[in-house]
């Protein structure tokens, strides 16, 4: 029985890059929500949900990246699968911020599109890593 390494280096690098990018995404989106609330007539009952989505996304991001890293490095299907499930939630929240928040600026579109592309690439690599762990 040869002990071959099944964990993905590219996936591990992507977790790191996505973690850094998400911090930037969070701060930029928070700054833009604050900017929009000052510059535009932002209805008070719409400000809270937009902020709630952003903060819920930040809360999801920590276990999403932790479980993904852990599952990949330990070559364990369950944590990687859980991370994939959390990614689905993060994608839905990112789509909300891209399409359905009160005001969507050009910068929102660019930031969210990059985040969604990263989530897509990461999800594809997670699925292939899980498939490798199963074989």
N, C-alpha and C. Protein backbone atom coordinates (compact mmCIF):
# COMPACT_ATOMS: atom_id res chain seq x y z
N UNK A 1 0.85 -1.20 0.00
CA UNK A 1 0.00 0.00 0.00
C UNK A 1 0.88 1.25 0.00
N UNK A 2 0.90 1.98 -1.10
CA UNK A 2 1.71 3.20 -1.15
C UNK A 2 0.95 4.35 -0.50
N UNK A 3 1.68 5.21 0.19
CA UNK A 3 1.04 6.34 0.88
C UNK A 3 1.15 7.58 -0.01
N UNK A 4 0.21 7.71 -0.94
CA UNK A 4 0.24 8.86 -1.84
C UNK A 4 -0.54 10.02 -1.21
N UNK A 5 -0.09 11.22 -1.52
CA UNK A 5 -0.73 12.41 -0.98
C UNK A 5 -1.91 12.77 -1.87
N UNK A 6 -3.09 12.88 -1.27
CA UNK A 6 -4.29 13.18 -2.03
C UNK A 6 -4.75 14.62 -1.85
N UNK A 7 -4.25 15.30 -0.81
CA UNK A 7 -4.68 16.69 -0.58
C UNK A 7 -4.19 17.58 -1.72
N UNK A 8 -4.93 18.66 -1.95
CA UNK A 8 -4.67 19.53 -3.09
C UNK A 8 -3.91 20.79 -2.65
N UNK A 9 -2.72 21.00 -3.20
CA UNK A 9 -1.95 22.20 -2.91
C UNK A 9 -2.67 23.44 -3.45
N UNK A 10 -3.20 23.32 -4.68
CA UNK A 10 -3.92 24.45 -5.29
C UNK A 10 -5.12 24.86 -4.43
N UNK A 11 -5.85 23.86 -3.91
CA UNK A 11 -7.00 24.15 -3.05
C UNK A 11 -6.54 24.85 -1.78
N UNK A 12 -5.43 24.40 -1.20
CA UNK A 12 -4.92 25.01 0.03
C UNK A 12 -4.52 26.47 -0.22
N UNK A 13 -3.86 26.72 -1.33
CA UNK A 13 -3.48 28.09 -1.70
C UNK A 13 -4.73 28.94 -1.88
N UNK A 14 -5.75 28.37 -2.53
CA UNK A 14 -7.00 29.10 -2.77
C UNK A 14 -7.70 29.44 -1.45
N UNK A 15 -7.68 28.53 -0.47
CA UNK A 15 -8.25 28.84 0.85
C UNK A 15 -7.56 30.06 1.44
N UNK A 16 -6.24 30.09 1.34
CA UNK A 16 -5.46 31.21 1.90
C UNK A 16 -5.80 32.51 1.17
N UNK A 17 -5.78 32.47 -0.16
CA UNK A 17 -6.07 33.66 -0.97
C UNK A 17 -7.51 34.13 -0.72
N UNK A 18 -8.46 33.19 -0.67
CA UNK A 18 -9.85 33.54 -0.42
C UNK A 18 -10.04 34.16 0.96
N UNK A 19 -9.29 33.67 1.94
CA UNK A 19 -9.36 34.25 3.29
C UNK A 19 -8.91 35.70 3.29
N UNK A 20 -7.81 35.98 2.62
CA UNK A 20 -7.30 37.35 2.50
C UNK A 20 -8.29 38.21 1.71
N UNK A 21 -8.75 37.66 0.56
CA UNK A 21 -9.68 38.42 -0.28
C UNK A 21 -10.97 38.71 0.48
N UNK A 22 -11.46 37.74 1.27
CA UNK A 22 -12.72 37.96 1.96
C UNK A 22 -12.61 39.11 2.97
N UNK A 23 -11.47 39.22 3.63
CA UNK A 23 -11.26 40.35 4.56
C UNK A 23 -11.39 41.67 3.79
N UNK A 24 -10.73 41.74 2.64
CA UNK A 24 -10.83 42.93 1.78
C UNK A 24 -12.27 43.15 1.32
N UNK A 25 -12.93 42.08 0.87
CA UNK A 25 -14.32 42.15 0.41
C UNK A 25 -15.23 42.69 1.52
N UNK A 26 -15.08 42.13 2.72
CA UNK A 26 -15.91 42.54 3.86
C UNK A 26 -15.73 44.02 4.17
N UNK A 27 -14.47 44.45 4.29
CA UNK A 27 -14.19 45.85 4.64
C UNK A 27 -14.66 46.81 3.54
N UNK A 28 -14.42 46.44 2.28
CA UNK A 28 -14.84 47.29 1.16
C UNK A 28 -16.36 47.37 1.08
N UNK A 29 -17.03 46.25 1.25
CA UNK A 29 -18.50 46.23 1.19
C UNK A 29 -19.10 47.00 2.36
N UNK A 30 -18.52 46.83 3.55
CA UNK A 30 -18.98 47.59 4.73
C UNK A 30 -18.80 49.09 4.49
N UNK A 31 -17.65 49.48 3.97
CA UNK A 31 -17.39 50.89 3.69
C UNK A 31 -18.38 51.43 2.65
N UNK A 32 -18.69 50.61 1.64
CA UNK A 32 -19.64 51.05 0.61
C UNK A 32 -21.06 51.17 1.17
N UNK A 33 -21.46 50.26 2.06
CA UNK A 33 -22.79 50.35 2.68
C UNK A 33 -22.87 51.63 3.51
N UNK A 34 -21.81 51.93 4.25
CA UNK A 34 -21.77 53.16 5.05
C UNK A 34 -21.83 54.37 4.12
N UNK A 35 -21.03 54.34 3.04
CA UNK A 35 -21.03 55.42 2.05
C UNK A 35 -22.43 55.61 1.46
N UNK A 36 -23.05 54.50 1.03
CA UNK A 36 -24.38 54.58 0.41
C UNK A 36 -25.42 55.11 1.40
N UNK A 37 -25.27 54.74 2.69
CA UNK A 37 -26.25 55.22 3.68
C UNK A 37 -26.12 56.73 3.92
N UNK A 38 -24.92 57.29 3.64
CA UNK A 38 -24.70 58.73 3.80
C UNK A 38 -25.08 59.52 2.54
N UNK A 39 -24.76 58.96 1.37
CA UNK A 39 -24.91 59.69 0.11
C UNK A 39 -26.31 59.54 -0.49
N UNK A 40 -26.88 58.33 -0.40
CA UNK A 40 -28.20 58.07 -0.98
C UNK A 40 -29.25 58.07 0.13
N UNK A 41 -30.50 58.23 -0.25
CA UNK A 41 -31.57 58.13 0.75
C UNK A 41 -31.83 56.64 1.00
N UNK A 42 -31.07 56.10 1.94
CA UNK A 42 -31.11 54.67 2.25
C UNK A 42 -32.23 54.44 3.26
N UNK A 43 -33.29 53.74 2.88
CA UNK A 43 -34.38 53.49 3.84
C UNK A 43 -33.85 52.72 5.06
N UNK A 44 -34.19 53.20 6.25
CA UNK A 44 -33.67 52.58 7.47
C UNK A 44 -33.98 51.09 7.57
N UNK A 45 -35.18 50.70 7.12
CA UNK A 45 -35.55 49.30 7.22
C UNK A 45 -34.84 48.42 6.18
N UNK A 46 -34.07 49.02 5.25
CA UNK A 46 -33.29 48.25 4.29
C UNK A 46 -31.82 48.19 4.67
N UNK A 47 -31.37 49.13 5.48
CA UNK A 47 -29.96 49.16 5.90
C UNK A 47 -29.63 47.94 6.76
N UNK A 48 -30.49 47.62 7.72
CA UNK A 48 -30.24 46.49 8.63
C UNK A 48 -30.11 45.15 7.90
N UNK A 49 -31.02 44.81 6.97
CA UNK A 49 -30.85 43.52 6.27
C UNK A 49 -29.56 43.44 5.45
N UNK A 50 -29.19 44.54 4.78
CA UNK A 50 -27.95 44.54 4.00
C UNK A 50 -26.74 44.30 4.90
N UNK A 51 -26.71 44.97 6.06
CA UNK A 51 -25.63 44.77 7.02
C UNK A 51 -25.67 43.36 7.61
N UNK A 52 -26.87 42.87 7.90
CA UNK A 52 -27.02 41.52 8.47
C UNK A 52 -26.47 40.46 7.53
N UNK A 53 -26.76 40.60 6.24
CA UNK A 53 -26.26 39.64 5.25
C UNK A 53 -24.73 39.66 5.23
N UNK A 54 -24.14 40.85 5.24
CA UNK A 54 -22.68 40.97 5.22
C UNK A 54 -22.05 40.31 6.47
N UNK A 55 -22.63 40.58 7.64
CA UNK A 55 -22.08 40.01 8.87
C UNK A 55 -22.32 38.51 8.97
N UNK A 56 -23.48 38.04 8.50
CA UNK A 56 -23.75 36.59 8.48
C UNK A 56 -22.74 35.89 7.58
N UNK A 57 -22.44 36.53 6.45
CA UNK A 57 -21.45 35.99 5.52
C UNK A 57 -20.07 35.88 6.20
N UNK A 58 -19.71 36.91 6.96
CA UNK A 58 -18.41 36.90 7.66
C UNK A 58 -18.37 35.78 8.69
N UNK A 59 -19.49 35.56 9.38
CA UNK A 59 -19.57 34.49 10.38
C UNK A 59 -19.45 33.12 9.70
N UNK A 60 -20.06 32.96 8.54
CA UNK A 60 -19.98 31.70 7.79
C UNK A 60 -18.58 31.44 7.24
N UNK A 61 -17.88 32.51 6.91
CA UNK A 61 -16.58 32.39 6.24
C UNK A 61 -15.54 31.67 7.12
N UNK A 62 -15.58 31.92 8.42
CA UNK A 62 -14.58 31.32 9.33
C UNK A 62 -14.67 29.79 9.34
N UNK A 63 -15.85 29.19 9.67
CA UNK A 63 -15.89 27.72 9.64
C UNK A 63 -15.75 27.15 8.22
N UNK A 64 -16.19 27.91 7.21
CA UNK A 64 -16.09 27.46 5.82
C UNK A 64 -14.62 27.23 5.44
N UNK A 65 -13.79 28.22 5.76
CA UNK A 65 -12.36 28.11 5.43
C UNK A 65 -11.64 27.13 6.36
N UNK A 66 -11.98 27.15 7.65
CA UNK A 66 -11.35 26.24 8.62
C UNK A 66 -11.61 24.78 8.25
N UNK A 67 -12.89 24.45 8.02
CA UNK A 67 -13.24 23.06 7.69
C UNK A 67 -12.63 22.64 6.35
N UNK A 68 -12.60 23.58 5.40
CA UNK A 68 -12.01 23.27 4.11
C UNK A 68 -10.53 22.97 4.22
N UNK A 69 -9.79 23.83 4.94
CA UNK A 69 -8.35 23.61 5.14
C UNK A 69 -8.09 22.29 5.87
N UNK A 70 -8.83 22.10 6.96
CA UNK A 70 -8.66 20.89 7.78
C UNK A 70 -8.97 19.63 6.96
N UNK A 71 -10.09 19.66 6.25
CA UNK A 71 -10.48 18.50 5.45
C UNK A 71 -9.48 18.19 4.35
N UNK A 72 -8.97 19.24 3.71
CA UNK A 72 -8.00 19.04 2.63
C UNK A 72 -6.68 18.49 3.18
N UNK A 73 -6.17 19.10 4.24
CA UNK A 73 -4.87 18.67 4.78
C UNK A 73 -4.92 17.27 5.39
N UNK A 74 -6.01 16.95 6.05
CA UNK A 74 -6.15 15.62 6.67
C UNK A 74 -6.75 14.59 5.73
N UNK A 75 -7.07 15.03 4.51
CA UNK A 75 -7.68 14.16 3.51
C UNK A 75 -8.95 13.51 4.06
N UNK A 76 -9.81 14.36 4.68
CA UNK A 76 -11.07 13.89 5.26
C UNK A 76 -12.24 14.46 4.46
N UNK A 77 -13.15 13.57 4.08
CA UNK A 77 -14.31 13.96 3.27
C UNK A 77 -15.30 14.83 4.04
N UNK A 78 -15.60 14.48 5.29
CA UNK A 78 -16.67 15.16 6.04
C UNK A 78 -16.43 16.67 6.21
N UNK A 79 -15.26 17.09 6.73
CA UNK A 79 -15.05 18.54 6.86
C UNK A 79 -15.07 19.27 5.52
N UNK A 80 -14.53 18.62 4.49
CA UNK A 80 -14.52 19.24 3.16
C UNK A 80 -15.94 19.35 2.61
N UNK A 81 -16.74 18.33 2.87
CA UNK A 81 -18.15 18.35 2.45
C UNK A 81 -18.94 19.43 3.19
N UNK A 82 -18.68 19.57 4.50
CA UNK A 82 -19.34 20.63 5.28
C UNK A 82 -18.94 22.00 4.76
N UNK A 83 -17.66 22.16 4.45
CA UNK A 83 -17.18 23.42 3.90
C UNK A 83 -17.87 23.71 2.56
N UNK A 84 -18.06 22.69 1.76
CA UNK A 84 -18.76 22.84 0.48
C UNK A 84 -20.20 23.29 0.72
N UNK A 85 -20.85 22.72 1.73
CA UNK A 85 -22.21 23.12 2.08
C UNK A 85 -22.28 24.58 2.53
N UNK A 86 -21.31 24.99 3.35
CA UNK A 86 -21.26 26.39 3.80
C UNK A 86 -20.98 27.32 2.62
N UNK A 87 -20.23 26.84 1.63
CA UNK A 87 -19.95 27.65 0.45
C UNK A 87 -21.24 27.96 -0.30
N UNK A 88 -22.16 27.00 -0.33
CA UNK A 88 -23.46 27.23 -0.98
C UNK A 88 -24.17 28.39 -0.29
N UNK A 89 -24.15 28.41 1.05
CA UNK A 89 -24.74 29.52 1.79
C UNK A 89 -24.05 30.84 1.49
N UNK A 90 -22.73 30.81 1.45
CA UNK A 90 -21.96 32.02 1.14
C UNK A 90 -22.27 32.53 -0.27
N UNK A 91 -22.43 31.62 -1.21
CA UNK A 91 -22.76 32.00 -2.59
C UNK A 91 -24.11 32.71 -2.62
N UNK A 92 -25.10 32.17 -1.90
CA UNK A 92 -26.43 32.79 -1.87
C UNK A 92 -26.36 34.20 -1.28
N UNK A 93 -25.59 34.36 -0.20
CA UNK A 93 -25.44 35.68 0.42
C UNK A 93 -24.70 36.64 -0.51
N UNK A 94 -23.67 36.14 -1.21
CA UNK A 94 -22.93 36.98 -2.17
C UNK A 94 -23.83 37.41 -3.32
N UNK A 95 -24.70 36.51 -3.77
CA UNK A 95 -25.65 36.84 -4.85
C UNK A 95 -26.63 37.91 -4.35
N UNK A 96 -27.06 37.80 -3.10
CA UNK A 96 -27.93 38.85 -2.53
C UNK A 96 -27.22 40.20 -2.61
N UNK A 97 -25.95 40.25 -2.16
CA UNK A 97 -25.21 41.52 -2.18
C UNK A 97 -24.93 42.00 -3.60
N UNK A 98 -24.85 41.06 -4.54
CA UNK A 98 -24.60 41.42 -5.94
C UNK A 98 -25.88 41.94 -6.61
N UNK A 99 -27.00 41.31 -6.33
CA UNK A 99 -28.21 41.60 -7.10
C UNK A 99 -29.34 42.28 -6.33
N UNK A 100 -29.45 41.99 -5.03
CA UNK A 100 -30.67 42.39 -4.33
C UNK A 100 -30.48 43.37 -3.18
N UNK A 101 -29.24 43.79 -2.90
CA UNK A 101 -29.13 44.79 -1.84
C UNK A 101 -29.74 46.11 -2.34
N UNK A 102 -29.99 47.03 -1.42
CA UNK A 102 -30.74 48.25 -1.75
C UNK A 102 -30.13 49.04 -2.90
N UNK A 103 -28.85 49.35 -2.81
CA UNK A 103 -28.13 50.03 -3.89
C UNK A 103 -26.95 49.17 -4.29
N UNK A 104 -26.81 48.89 -5.58
CA UNK A 104 -25.68 48.10 -6.07
C UNK A 104 -24.82 49.02 -6.94
N UNK A 105 -23.61 49.28 -6.47
CA UNK A 105 -22.66 50.10 -7.22
C UNK A 105 -21.83 49.21 -8.15
N UNK A 106 -21.15 49.84 -9.10
CA UNK A 106 -20.26 49.12 -10.00
C UNK A 106 -19.21 48.35 -9.20
N UNK A 107 -18.68 48.96 -8.15
CA UNK A 107 -17.68 48.30 -7.31
C UNK A 107 -18.26 47.06 -6.63
N UNK A 108 -19.53 47.11 -6.23
CA UNK A 108 -20.19 45.93 -5.65
C UNK A 108 -20.19 44.78 -6.64
N UNK A 109 -20.50 45.10 -7.89
CA UNK A 109 -20.57 44.08 -8.94
C UNK A 109 -19.21 43.43 -9.13
N UNK A 110 -18.15 44.24 -9.22
CA UNK A 110 -16.80 43.72 -9.43
C UNK A 110 -16.36 42.86 -8.24
N UNK A 111 -16.52 43.39 -7.02
CA UNK A 111 -16.11 42.65 -5.82
C UNK A 111 -16.86 41.32 -5.69
N UNK A 112 -18.18 41.36 -5.89
CA UNK A 112 -18.98 40.14 -5.75
C UNK A 112 -18.70 39.14 -6.86
N UNK A 113 -18.48 39.64 -8.08
CA UNK A 113 -18.17 38.73 -9.20
C UNK A 113 -16.84 38.00 -8.94
N UNK A 114 -15.85 38.72 -8.43
CA UNK A 114 -14.57 38.07 -8.09
C UNK A 114 -14.75 37.04 -6.99
N UNK A 115 -15.54 37.39 -5.98
CA UNK A 115 -15.78 36.46 -4.87
C UNK A 115 -16.51 35.21 -5.37
N UNK A 116 -17.52 35.40 -6.20
CA UNK A 116 -18.27 34.25 -6.74
C UNK A 116 -17.39 33.38 -7.63
N UNK A 117 -16.51 34.00 -8.41
CA UNK A 117 -15.58 33.22 -9.24
C UNK A 117 -14.65 32.39 -8.36
N UNK A 118 -14.16 32.99 -7.29
CA UNK A 118 -13.27 32.27 -6.35
C UNK A 118 -14.03 31.12 -5.69
N UNK A 119 -15.27 31.37 -5.26
CA UNK A 119 -16.10 30.31 -4.67
C UNK A 119 -16.31 29.17 -5.67
N UNK A 120 -16.54 29.52 -6.93
CA UNK A 120 -16.76 28.50 -7.96
C UNK A 120 -15.53 27.64 -8.18
N UNK A 121 -14.37 28.28 -8.29
CA UNK A 121 -13.12 27.55 -8.48
C UNK A 121 -12.84 26.67 -7.27
N UNK A 122 -13.01 27.24 -6.08
CA UNK A 122 -12.77 26.51 -4.84
C UNK A 122 -13.71 25.30 -4.74
N UNK A 123 -14.98 25.49 -5.09
CA UNK A 123 -15.95 24.40 -5.01
C UNK A 123 -15.60 23.26 -5.97
N UNK A 124 -15.18 23.61 -7.16
CA UNK A 124 -14.74 22.59 -8.12
C UNK A 124 -13.57 21.78 -7.59
N UNK A 125 -12.61 22.47 -6.98
CA UNK A 125 -11.44 21.79 -6.41
C UNK A 125 -11.84 20.95 -5.20
N UNK A 126 -12.81 21.41 -4.40
CA UNK A 126 -13.29 20.63 -3.25
C UNK A 126 -13.93 19.33 -3.73
N UNK A 127 -14.77 19.43 -4.76
CA UNK A 127 -15.44 18.24 -5.29
C UNK A 127 -14.40 17.24 -5.81
N UNK A 128 -13.39 17.73 -6.53
CA UNK A 128 -12.37 16.79 -7.04
C UNK A 128 -11.52 16.22 -5.92
N UNK A 129 -11.27 17.01 -4.85
CA UNK A 129 -10.51 16.48 -3.71
C UNK A 129 -11.33 15.41 -2.99
N UNK A 130 -12.63 15.66 -2.79
CA UNK A 130 -13.50 14.66 -2.14
C UNK A 130 -13.51 13.38 -2.99
N UNK A 131 -13.60 13.53 -4.30
CA UNK A 131 -13.59 12.37 -5.20
C UNK A 131 -12.28 11.60 -5.07
N UNK A 132 -11.15 12.32 -4.94
CA UNK A 132 -9.84 11.66 -4.77
C UNK A 132 -9.78 10.93 -3.44
N UNK A 133 -10.36 11.51 -2.38
CA UNK A 133 -10.34 10.88 -1.06
C UNK A 133 -11.21 9.61 -1.06
N UNK A 134 -12.27 9.61 -1.85
CA UNK A 134 -13.17 8.46 -1.91
C UNK A 134 -12.56 7.29 -2.68
N UNK A 135 -11.69 7.59 -3.65
CA UNK A 135 -11.14 6.52 -4.49
C UNK A 135 -10.05 5.73 -3.79
